[in-house]
Amino acid sequence: MKYAPQEDNRKYDEEARNLIRPLGFEKQYELYDIVLKKQKWSNSPTRDLELVAVAKAIKNTRGIDQHRLSRIKNGFKSSMAATANPRDGFTKPAKKKA
């Protein structure tokens, strides 16, 4: 076993709320993206608890856009949607110039 079990008295939810309290919504969205990326890595059990607490605190923040959080979590459904430009929907061909 890589990590020895030990008694843990930390209040992860409270620490996470105090961490995100001074942040604005844009910074919270960035932090949520970072947390989701870090959760995919191999972490210690305490680190995993910290990351889960931060993600939960951001989700439960009043005024946060849940659709944007789900978009950050799930990403675009296709590479075409991820790399789209406004001009891609323009179907009228360009006319030849003299």
PDB file of N, CA and C in Angstrom:
ATOM      1  N   MET A   1       0.845  -1.187   0.000  1.00  0.00           N
ATOM      2  CA  MET A   1       0.000   0.000   0.000  1.00  0.00           C
ATOM      3  C   MET A   1       0.884   1.242   0.000  1.00  0.00           C
ATOM      4  N   LYS A   2       0.569   2.149  -0.890  1.00  0.00           N
ATOM      5  CA  LYS A   2       1.421   3.322  -1.065  1.00  0.00           C
ATOM      6  C   LYS A   2       1.263   4.331   0.080  1.00  0.00           C
ATOM      7  N   TYR A   3       0.040   4.506   0.559  1.00  0.00           N
ATOM      8  CA  TYR A   3      -0.210   5.490   1.608  1.00  0.00           C
ATOM      9  C   TYR A   3      -0.716   4.785   2.855  1.00  0.00           C
ATOM     10  N   ALA A   4      -0.077   5.069   3.980  1.00  0.00           N
ATOM     11  CA  ALA A   4      -0.505   4.471   5.247  1.00  0.00           C
ATOM     12  C   ALA A   4      -1.766   5.173   5.724  1.00  0.00           C
ATOM     13  N   PRO A   5      -2.752   4.417   6.208  1.00  0.00           N
ATOM     14  CA  PRO A   5      -3.974   5.066   6.704  1.00  0.00           C
ATOM     15  C   PRO A   5      -3.684   5.874   7.964  1.00  0.00           C
ATOM     16  N   GLN A   6      -4.276   7.051   8.027  1.00  0.00           N
ATOM     17  CA  GLN A   6      -4.088   7.909   9.194  1.00  0.00           C
ATOM     18  C   GLN A   6      -5.373   8.665   9.479  1.00  0.00           C
ATOM     19  N   GLU A   7      -5.492   9.112  10.706  1.00  0.00           N
ATOM     20  CA  GLU A   7      -6.697   9.835  11.106  1.00  0.00           C
ATOM     21  C   GLU A   7      -6.686  11.223  10.470  1.00  0.00           C
ATOM     22  N   ASP A   8      -7.824  11.617   9.934  1.00  0.00           N
ATOM     23  CA  ASP A   8      -7.918  12.884   9.222  1.00  0.00           C
ATOM     24  C   ASP A   8      -9.029  13.717   9.840  1.00  0.00           C
ATOM     25  N   ASN A   9      -8.671  14.867  10.390  1.00  0.00           N
ATOM     26  CA  ASN A   9      -9.646  15.730  11.060  1.00  0.00           C
ATOM     27  C   ASN A   9      -9.936  17.005  10.276  1.00  0.00           C
ATOM     28  N   ARG A  10      -9.466  17.065   9.041  1.00  0.00           N
ATOM     29  CA  ARG A  10      -9.663  18.284   8.253  1.00  0.00           C
ATOM     30  C   ARG A  10     -11.096  18.393   7.761  1.00  0.00           C
ATOM     31  N   LYS A  11     -11.541  19.623   7.643  1.00  0.00           N
ATOM     32  CA  LYS A  11     -12.877  19.914   7.093  1.00  0.00           C
ATOM     33  C   LYS A  11     -12.675  20.408   5.671  1.00  0.00           C
ATOM     34  N   TYR A  12     -12.686  19.458   4.740  1.00  0.00           N
ATOM     35  CA  TYR A  12     -12.366  19.777   3.347  1.00  0.00           C
ATOM     36  C   TYR A  12     -13.383  20.720   2.721  1.00  0.00           C
ATOM     37  N   ASP A  13     -14.660  20.527   3.023  1.00  0.00           N
ATOM     38  CA  ASP A  13     -15.691  21.385   2.431  1.00  0.00           C
ATOM     39  C   ASP A  13     -15.533  22.836   2.874  1.00  0.00           C
ATOM     40  N   GLU A  14     -15.264  23.026   4.149  1.00  0.00           N
ATOM     41  CA  GLU A  14     -15.094  24.388   4.673  1.00  0.00           C
ATOM     42  C   GLU A  14     -13.843  25.040   4.084  1.00  0.00           C
ATOM     43  N   GLU A  15     -12.755  24.278   3.982  1.00  0.00           N
ATOM     44  CA  GLU A  15     -11.526  24.813   3.390  1.00  0.00           C
ATOM     45  C   GLU A  15     -11.753  25.206   1.934  1.00  0.00           C
ATOM     46  N   ALA A  16     -12.494  24.380   1.201  1.00  0.00           N
ATOM     47  CA  ALA A  16     -12.760  24.670  -0.207  1.00  0.00           C
ATOM     48  C   ALA A  16     -13.616  25.926  -0.357  1.00  0.00           C
ATOM     49  N   ARG A  17     -14.633  26.068   0.483  1.00  0.00           N
ATOM     50  CA  ARG A  17     -15.477  27.279   0.420  1.00  0.00           C
ATOM     51  C   ARG A  17     -14.651  28.524   0.717  1.00  0.00           C
ATOM     52  N   ASN A  18     -13.754  28.446   1.703  1.00  0.00           N
ATOM     53  CA  ASN A  18     -12.901  29.591   2.023  1.00  0.00           C
ATOM     54  C   ASN A  18     -11.920  29.886   0.891  1.00  0.00           C
ATOM     55  N   LEU A  19     -11.522  28.846   0.154  1.00  0.00           N
ATOM     56  CA  LEU A  19     -10.603  29.030  -0.965  1.00  0.00           C
ATOM     57  C   LEU A  19     -11.254  29.787  -2.108  1.00  0.00           C
ATOM     58  N   ILE A  20     -12.500  29.439  -2.439  1.00  0.00           N
ATOM     59  CA  ILE A  20     -13.137  30.046  -3.613  1.00  0.00           C
ATOM     60  C   ILE A  20     -13.918  31.318  -3.290  1.00  0.00           C
ATOM     61  N   ARG A  21     -14.082  31.628  -2.015  1.00  0.00           N
ATOM     62  CA  ARG A  21     -14.877  32.808  -1.633  1.00  0.00           C
ATOM     63  C   ARG A  21     -14.379  34.099  -2.281  1.00  0.00           C
ATOM     64  N   PRO A  22     -13.065  34.400  -2.274  1.00  0.00           N
ATOM     65  CA  PRO A  22     -12.642  35.681  -2.878  1.00  0.00           C
ATOM     66  C   PRO A  22     -12.578  35.676  -4.404  1.00  0.00           C
ATOM     67  N   LEU A  23     -12.775  34.527  -5.028  1.00  0.00           N
ATOM     68  CA  LEU A  23     -12.633  34.436  -6.483  1.00  0.00           C
ATOM     69  C   LEU A  23     -13.904  34.885  -7.201  1.00  0.00           C
ATOM     70  N   GLY A  24     -13.718  35.503  -8.341  1.00  0.00           N
ATOM     71  CA  GLY A  24     -14.848  35.860  -9.196  1.00  0.00           C
ATOM     72  C   GLY A  24     -15.291  34.636  -9.990  1.00  0.00           C
ATOM     73  N   PHE A  25     -16.378  34.789 -10.752  1.00  0.00           N
ATOM     74  CA  PHE A  25     -16.923  33.655 -11.494  1.00  0.00           C
ATOM     75  C   PHE A  25     -15.950  33.132 -12.547  1.00  0.00           C
ATOM     76  N   GLU A  26     -15.272  34.031 -13.260  1.00  0.00           N
ATOM     77  CA  GLU A  26     -14.333  33.589 -14.302  1.00  0.00           C
ATOM     78  C   GLU A  26     -13.210  32.756 -13.706  1.00  0.00           C
ATOM     79  N   LYS A  27     -12.669  33.204 -12.578  1.00  0.00           N
ATOM     80  CA  LYS A  27     -11.600  32.450 -11.913  1.00  0.00           C
ATOM     81  C   LYS A  27     -12.122  31.112 -11.388  1.00  0.00           C
ATOM     82  N   GLN A  28     -13.379  31.080 -10.957  1.00  0.00           N
ATOM     83  CA  GLN A  28     -13.953  29.824 -10.488  1.00  0.00           C
ATOM     84  C   GLN A  28     -14.090  28.824 -11.631  1.00  0.00           C
ATOM     85  N   TYR A  29     -14.482  29.311 -12.812  1.00  0.00           N
ATOM     86  CA  TYR A  29     -14.574  28.424 -13.967  1.00  0.00           C
ATOM     87  C   TYR A  29     -13.190  27.870 -14.327  1.00  0.00           C
ATOM     88  N   GLU A  30     -12.163  28.729 -14.276  1.00  0.00           N
ATOM     89  CA  GLU A  30     -10.801  28.281 -14.562  1.00  0.00           C
ATOM     90  C   GLU A  30     -10.340  27.252 -13.529  1.00  0.00           C
ATOM     91  N   LEU A  31     -10.639  27.514 -12.264  1.00  0.00           N
ATOM     92  CA  LEU A  31     -10.260  26.587 -11.197  1.00  0.00           C
ATOM     93  C   LEU A  31     -10.978  25.252 -11.359  1.00  0.00           C
ATOM     94  N   TYR A  32     -12.246  25.287 -11.768  1.00  0.00           N
ATOM     95  CA  TYR A  32     -13.015  24.057 -11.980  1.00  0.00           C
ATOM     96  C   TYR A  32     -12.376  23.224 -13.086  1.00  0.00           C
ATOM     97  N   ASP A  33     -11.930  23.882 -14.145  1.00  0.00           N
ATOM     98  CA  ASP A  33     -11.255  23.186 -15.237  1.00  0.00           C
ATOM     99  C   ASP A  33      -9.954  22.546 -14.742  1.00  0.00           C
ATOM    100  N   ILE A  34      -9.189  23.270 -13.953  1.00  0.00           N
ATOM    101  CA  ILE A  34      -7.935  22.745 -13.401  1.00  0.00           C
ATOM    102  C   ILE A  34      -8.207  21.559 -12.498  1.00  0.00           C
ATOM    103  N   VAL A  35      -9.228  21.675 -11.652  1.00  0.00           N
ATOM    104  CA  VAL A  35      -9.561  20.596 -10.718  1.00  0.00           C
ATOM    105  C   VAL A  35      -9.950  19.336 -11.479  1.00  0.00           C
ATOM    106  N   LEU A  36     -10.746  19.474 -12.528  1.00  0.00           N
ATOM    107  CA  LEU A  36     -11.155  18.303 -13.311  1.00  0.00           C
ATOM    108  C   LEU A  36      -9.958  17.635 -13.975  1.00  0.00           C
ATOM    109  N   LYS A  37      -9.012  18.431 -14.451  1.00  0.00           N
ATOM    110  CA  LYS A  37      -7.810  17.852 -15.064  1.00  0.00           C
ATOM    111  C   LYS A  37      -6.957  17.139 -14.021  1.00  0.00           C
ATOM    112  N   LYS A  38      -6.825  17.726 -12.834  1.00  0.00           N
ATOM    113  CA  LYS A  38      -6.013  17.116 -11.776  1.00  0.00           C
ATOM    114  C   LYS A  38      -6.654  15.851 -11.226  1.00  0.00           C
ATOM    115  N   GLN A  39      -7.982  15.770 -11.271  1.00  0.00           N
ATOM    116  CA  GLN A  39      -8.656  14.581 -10.769  1.00  0.00           C
ATOM    117  C   GLN A  39      -8.367  13.359 -11.632  1.00  0.00           C
ATOM    118  N   LYS A  40      -7.999  13.558 -12.881  1.00  0.00           N
ATOM    119  CA  LYS A  40      -7.702  12.448 -13.771  1.00  0.00           C
ATOM    120  C   LYS A  40      -6.342  11.823 -13.465  1.00  0.00           C
ATOM    121  N   TRP A  41      -5.482  12.561 -12.767  1.00  0.00           N
ATOM    122  CA  TRP A  41      -4.156  12.059 -12.433  1.00  0.00           C
ATOM    123  C   TRP A  41      -4.221  11.134 -11.229  1.00  0.00           C
ATOM    124  N   SER A  42      -3.126  10.472 -10.966  1.00  0.00           N
ATOM    125  CA  SER A  42      -3.007   9.645  -9.769  1.00  0.00           C
ATOM    126  C   SER A  42      -2.615  10.557  -8.612  1.00  0.00           C
ATOM    127  N   ASN A  43      -3.446  10.602  -7.580  1.00  0.00           N
ATOM    128  CA  ASN A  43      -3.222  11.483  -6.439  1.00  0.00           C
ATOM    129  C   ASN A  43      -3.287  10.687  -5.144  1.00  0.00           C
ATOM    130  N   SER A  44      -2.807  11.311  -4.083  1.00  0.00           N
ATOM    131  CA  SER A  44      -2.951  10.700  -2.761  1.00  0.00           C
ATOM    132  C   SER A  44      -4.424  10.800  -2.343  1.00  0.00           C
ATOM    133  N   PRO A  45      -4.864   9.972  -1.405  1.00  0.00           N
ATOM    134  CA  PRO A  45      -6.271  10.034  -0.975  1.00  0.00           C
ATOM    135  C   PRO A  45      -6.672  11.406  -0.435  1.00  0.00           C
ATOM    136  N   THR A  46      -5.777  12.075   0.293  1.00  0.00           N
ATOM    137  CA  THR A  46      -6.125  13.399   0.819  1.00  0.00           C
ATOM    138  C   THR A  46      -6.250  14.412  -0.314  1.00  0.00           C
ATOM    139  N   ARG A  47      -5.385  14.293  -1.305  1.00  0.00           N
ATOM    140  CA  ARG A  47      -5.454  15.203  -2.459  1.00  0.00           C
ATOM    141  C   ARG A  47      -6.766  14.996  -3.220  1.00  0.00           C
ATOM    142  N   ASP A  48      -7.169  13.735  -3.368  1.00  0.00           N
ATOM    143  CA  ASP A  48      -8.445  13.452  -4.020  1.00  0.00           C
ATOM    144  C   ASP A  48      -9.609  14.072  -3.252  1.00  0.00           C
ATOM    145  N   LEU A  49      -9.571  13.982  -1.932  1.00  0.00           N
ATOM    146  CA  LEU A  49     -10.634  14.581  -1.114  1.00  0.00           C
ATOM    147  C   LEU A  49     -10.654  16.095  -1.271  1.00  0.00           C
ATOM    148  N   GLU A  50      -9.472  16.699  -1.343  1.00  0.00           N
ATOM    149  CA  GLU A  50      -9.397  18.153  -1.537  1.00  0.00           C
ATOM    150  C   GLU A  50      -9.987  18.558  -2.885  1.00  0.00           C
ATOM    151  N   LEU A  51      -9.641  17.820  -3.931  1.00  0.00           N
ATOM    152  CA  LEU A  51     -10.132  18.156  -5.269  1.00  0.00           C
ATOM    153  C   LEU A  51     -11.643  17.981  -5.366  1.00  0.00           C
ATOM    154  N   VAL A  52     -12.157  16.925  -4.777  1.00  0.00           N
ATOM    155  CA  VAL A  52     -13.605  16.695  -4.790  1.00  0.00           C
ATOM    156  C   VAL A  52     -14.321  17.811  -4.032  1.00  0.00           C
ATOM    157  N   ALA A  53     -13.745  18.241  -2.912  1.00  0.00           N
ATOM    158  CA  ALA A  53     -14.365  19.300  -2.116  1.00  0.00           C
ATOM    159  C   ALA A  53     -14.392  20.620  -2.885  1.00  0.00           C
ATOM    160  N   VAL A  54     -13.318  20.935  -3.590  1.00  0.00           N
ATOM    161  CA  VAL A  54     -13.271  22.183  -4.358  1.00  0.00           C
ATOM    162  C   VAL A  54     -14.285  22.145  -5.499  1.00  0.00           C
ATOM    163  N   ALA A  55     -14.363  21.015  -6.205  1.00  0.00           N
ATOM    164  CA  ALA A  55     -15.333  20.898  -7.299  1.00  0.00           C
ATOM    165  C   ALA A  55     -16.761  21.031  -6.765  1.00  0.00           C
ATOM    166  N   LYS A  56     -17.032  20.409  -5.631  1.00  0.00           N
ATOM    167  CA  LYS A  56     -18.370  20.483  -5.043  1.00  0.00           C
ATOM    168  C   LYS A  56     -18.692  21.904  -4.587  1.00  0.00           C
ATOM    169  N   ALA A  57     -17.704  22.594  -4.019  1.00  0.00           N
ATOM    170  CA  ALA A  57     -17.920  23.964  -3.560  1.00  0.00           C
ATOM    171  C   ALA A  57     -18.215  24.895  -4.737  1.00  0.00           C
ATOM    172  N   ILE A  58     -17.520  24.695  -5.851  1.00  0.00           N
ATOM    173  CA  ILE A  58     -17.766  25.532  -7.025  1.00  0.00           C
ATOM    174  C   ILE A  58     -19.154  25.240  -7.588  1.00  0.00           C
ATOM    175  N   LYS A  59     -19.547  23.969  -7.645  1.00  0.00           N
ATOM    176  CA  LYS A  59     -20.878  23.622  -8.145  1.00  0.00           C
ATOM    177  C   LYS A  59     -21.984  24.231  -7.302  1.00  0.00           C
ATOM    178  N   ASN A  60     -21.772  24.311  -5.988  1.00  0.00           N
ATOM    179  CA  ASN A  60     -22.803  24.804  -5.079  1.00  0.00           C
ATOM    180  C   ASN A  60     -22.763  26.311  -4.874  1.00  0.00           C
ATOM    181  N   THR A  61     -21.879  27.009  -5.580  1.00  0.00           N
ATOM    182  CA  THR A  61     -21.792  28.459  -5.462  1.00  0.00           C
ATOM    183  C   THR A  61     -23.046  29.102  -6.050  1.00  0.00           C
ATOM    184  N   ARG A  62     -23.584  30.048  -5.339  1.00  0.00           N
ATOM    185  CA  ARG A  62     -24.776  30.752  -5.817  1.00  0.00           C
ATOM    186  C   ARG A  62     -24.404  31.636  -7.006  1.00  0.00           C
ATOM    187  N   GLY A  63     -25.184  31.549  -8.066  1.00  0.00           N
ATOM    188  CA  GLY A  63     -24.969  32.399  -9.239  1.00  0.00           C
ATOM    189  C   GLY A  63     -24.063  31.791 -10.294  1.00  0.00           C
ATOM    190  N   ILE A  64     -23.526  30.607 -10.039  1.00  0.00           N
ATOM    191  CA  ILE A  64     -22.633  29.982 -11.016  1.00  0.00           C
ATOM    192  C   ILE A  64     -23.477  29.356 -12.127  1.00  0.00           C
ATOM    193  N   ASP A  65     -22.977  29.387 -13.349  1.00  0.00           N
ATOM    194  CA  ASP A  65     -23.708  28.872 -14.505  1.00  0.00           C
ATOM    195  C   ASP A  65     -23.485  27.360 -14.615  1.00  0.00           C
ATOM    196  N   GLN A  66     -24.526  26.580 -14.314  1.00  0.00           N
ATOM    197  CA  GLN A  66     -24.413  25.118 -14.323  1.00  0.00           C
ATOM    198  C   GLN A  66     -24.170  24.577 -15.727  1.00  0.00           C
ATOM    199  N   HIS A  67     -24.729  25.229 -16.738  1.00  0.00           N
ATOM    200  CA  HIS A  67     -24.523  24.776 -18.111  1.00  0.00           C
ATOM    201  C   HIS A  67     -23.067  24.956 -18.521  1.00  0.00           C
ATOM    202  N   ARG A  68     -22.465  26.040 -18.073  1.00  0.00           N
ATOM    203  CA  ARG A  68     -21.056  26.263 -18.398  1.00  0.00           C
ATOM    204  C   ARG A  68     -20.172  25.239 -17.684  1.00  0.00           C
ATOM    205  N   LEU A  69     -20.527  24.901 -16.442  1.00  0.00           N
ATOM    206  CA  LEU A  69     -19.769  23.877 -15.719  1.00  0.00           C
ATOM    207  C   LEU A  69     -19.869  22.528 -16.426  1.00  0.00           C
ATOM    208  N   SER A  70     -21.064  22.191 -16.900  1.00  0.00           N
ATOM    209  CA  SER A  70     -21.206  20.917 -17.602  1.00  0.00           C
ATOM    210  C   SER A  70     -20.442  20.943 -18.927  1.00  0.00           C
ATOM    211  N   ARG A  71     -20.388  22.089 -19.585  1.00  0.00           N
ATOM    212  CA  ARG A  71     -19.618  22.216 -20.826  1.00  0.00           C
ATOM    213  C   ARG A  71     -18.129  22.045 -20.536  1.00  0.00           C
ATOM    214  N   ILE A  72     -17.664  22.605 -19.420  1.00  0.00           N
ATOM    215  CA  ILE A  72     -16.262  22.443 -19.033  1.00  0.00           C
ATOM    216  C   ILE A  72     -15.974  20.979 -18.725  1.00  0.00           C
ATOM    217  N   LYS A  73     -16.914  20.337 -18.070  1.00  0.00           N
ATOM    218  CA  LYS A  73     -16.711  18.933 -17.679  1.00  0.00           C
ATOM    219  C   LYS A  73     -16.797  17.988 -18.870  1.00  0.00           C
ATOM    220  N   ASN A  74     -17.802  18.170 -19.725  1.00  0.00           N
ATOM    221  CA  ASN A  74     -18.030  17.236 -20.830  1.00  0.00           C
ATOM    222  C   ASN A  74     -17.317  17.635 -22.104  1.00  0.00           C
ATOM    223  N   GLY A  75     -16.991  18.904 -22.249  1.00  0.00           N
ATOM    224  CA  GLY A  75     -16.324  19.374 -23.448  1.00  0.00           C
ATOM    225  C   GLY A  75     -17.255  19.407 -24.646  1.00  0.00           C
ATOM    226  N   PHE A  76     -16.708  19.715 -25.778  1.00  0.00           N
ATOM    227  CA  PHE A  76     -17.484  19.708 -27.010  1.00  0.00           C
ATOM    228  C   PHE A  76     -17.677  18.265 -27.449  1.00  0.00           C
ATOM    229  N   LYS A  77     -18.777  17.998 -28.111  1.00  0.00           N
ATOM    230  CA  LYS A  77     -19.089  16.636 -28.517  1.00  0.00           C
ATOM    231  C   LYS A  77     -18.307  16.198 -29.751  1.00  0.00           C
ATOM    232  N   SER A  78     -17.785  17.140 -30.520  1.00  0.00           N
ATOM    233  CA  SER A  78     -17.026  16.767 -31.709  1.00  0.00           C
ATOM    234  C   SER A  78     -15.880  17.751 -31.910  1.00  0.00           C
ATOM    235  N   SER A  79     -14.895  17.325 -32.667  1.00  0.00           N
ATOM    236  CA  SER A  79     -13.767  18.213 -32.943  1.00  0.00           C
ATOM    237  C   SER A  79     -14.207  19.369 -33.837  1.00  0.00           C
ATOM    238  N   MET A  80     -15.227  19.130 -34.663  1.00  0.00           N
ATOM    239  CA  MET A  80     -15.728  20.190 -35.536  1.00  0.00           C
ATOM    240  C   MET A  80     -16.320  21.328 -34.697  1.00  0.00           C
ATOM    241  N   ALA A  81     -17.034  20.979 -33.639  1.00  0.00           N
ATOM    242  CA  ALA A  81     -17.613  21.996 -32.774  1.00  0.00           C
ATOM    243  C   ALA A  81     -16.537  22.714 -31.984  1.00  0.00           C
ATOM    244  N   ALA A  82     -15.480  22.000 -31.619  1.00  0.00           N
ATOM    245  CA  ALA A  82     -14.419  22.609 -30.824  1.00  0.00           C
ATOM    246  C   ALA A  82     -13.605  23.610 -31.635  1.00  0.00           C
ATOM    247  N   THR A  83     -13.454  23.370 -32.938  1.00  0.00           N
ATOM    248  CA  THR A  83     -12.599  24.227 -33.759  1.00  0.00           C
ATOM    249  C   THR A  83     -13.391  25.118 -34.702  1.00  0.00           C
ATOM    250  N   ALA A  84     -14.683  25.290 -34.467  1.00  0.00           N
ATOM    251  CA  ALA A  84     -15.536  26.051 -35.384  1.00  0.00           C
ATOM    252  C   ALA A  84     -15.215  27.538 -35.358  1.00  0.00           C
ATOM    253  N   ASN A  85     -15.391  28.149 -36.506  1.00  0.00           N
ATOM    254  CA  ASN A  85     -15.257  29.596 -36.656  1.00  0.00           C
ATOM    255  C   ASN A  85     -16.578  30.132 -37.199  1.00  0.00           C
ATOM    256  N   PRO A  86     -16.866  31.424 -36.980  1.00  0.00           N
ATOM    257  CA  PRO A  86     -18.122  31.979 -37.497  1.00  0.00           C
ATOM    258  C   PRO A  86     -18.230  31.859 -39.016  1.00  0.00           C
ATOM    259  N   ARG A  87     -17.113  31.949 -39.718  1.00  0.00           N
ATOM    260  CA  ARG A  87     -17.167  31.889 -41.189  1.00  0.00           C
ATOM    261  C   ARG A  87     -17.478  30.487 -41.710  1.00  0.00           C
ATOM    262  N   ASP A  88     -17.377  29.453 -40.864  1.00  0.00           N
ATOM    263  CA  ASP A  88     -17.640  28.090 -41.309  1.00  0.00           C
ATOM    264  C   ASP A  88     -19.102  27.879 -41.688  1.00  0.00           C
ATOM    265  N   GLY A  89     -20.006  28.654 -41.120  1.00  0.00           N
ATOM    266  CA  GLY A  89     -21.414  28.507 -41.446  1.00  0.00           C
ATOM    267  C   GLY A  89     -21.828  29.272 -42.678  1.00  0.00           C
ATOM    268  N   PHE A  90     -20.937  30.045 -43.243  1.00  0.00           N
ATOM    269  CA  PHE A  90     -21.223  30.871 -44.411  1.00  0.00           C
ATOM    270  C   PHE A  90     -21.112  30.000 -45.653  1.00  0.00           C
ATOM    271  N   THR A  91     -22.255  29.724 -46.305  1.00  0.00           N
ATOM    272  CA  THR A  91     -22.271  28.762 -47.410  1.00  0.00           C
ATOM    273  C   THR A  91     -22.226  29.397 -48.786  1.00  0.00           C
ATOM    274  N   LYS A  92     -22.341  30.690 -48.875  1.00  0.00           N
ATOM    275  CA  LYS A  92     -22.343  31.355 -50.167  1.00  0.00           C
ATOM    276  C   LYS A  92     -20.901  31.394 -50.707  1.00  0.00           C
ATOM    277  N   PRO A  93     -20.649  30.859 -51.908  1.00  0.00           N
ATOM    278  CA  PRO A  93     -19.258  30.854 -52.416  1.00  0.00           C
ATOM    279  C   PRO A  93     -18.799  32.249 -52.777  1.00  0.00           C
ATOM    280  N   ALA A  94     -17.508  32.442 -52.658  1.00  0.00           N
ATOM    281  CA  ALA A  94     -16.927  33.734 -53.011  1.00  0.00           C
ATOM    282  C   ALA A  94     -16.952  33.900 -54.519  1.00  0.00           C
ATOM    283  N   LYS A  95     -17.232  35.104 -54.988  1.00  0.00           N
ATOM    284  CA  LYS A  95     -17.271  35.372 -56.416  1.00  0.00           C
ATOM    285  C   LYS A  95     -15.863  35.638 -56.932  1.00  0.00           C
ATOM    286  N   LYS A  96     -15.659  35.257 -58.196  1.00  0.00           N
ATOM    287  CA  LYS A  96     -14.356  35.527 -58.815  1.00  0.00           C
ATOM    288  C   LYS A  96     -14.191  37.012 -59.031  1.00  0.00           C
ATOM    289  N   LYS A  97     -12.991  37.454 -58.792  1.00  0.00           N
ATOM    290  CA  LYS A  97     -12.703  38.875 -59.016  1.00  0.00           C
ATOM    291  C   LYS A  97     -12.008  39.037 -60.353  1.00  0.00           C
ATOM    292  N   ALA A  98     -12.303  40.118 -61.036  1.00  0.00           N
ATOM    293  CA  ALA A  98     -11.759  40.336 -62.374  1.00  0.00           C
ATOM    294  C   ALA A  98     -10.293  40.644 -62.372  1.00  0.00           C
TER     295      ALA A  98
END
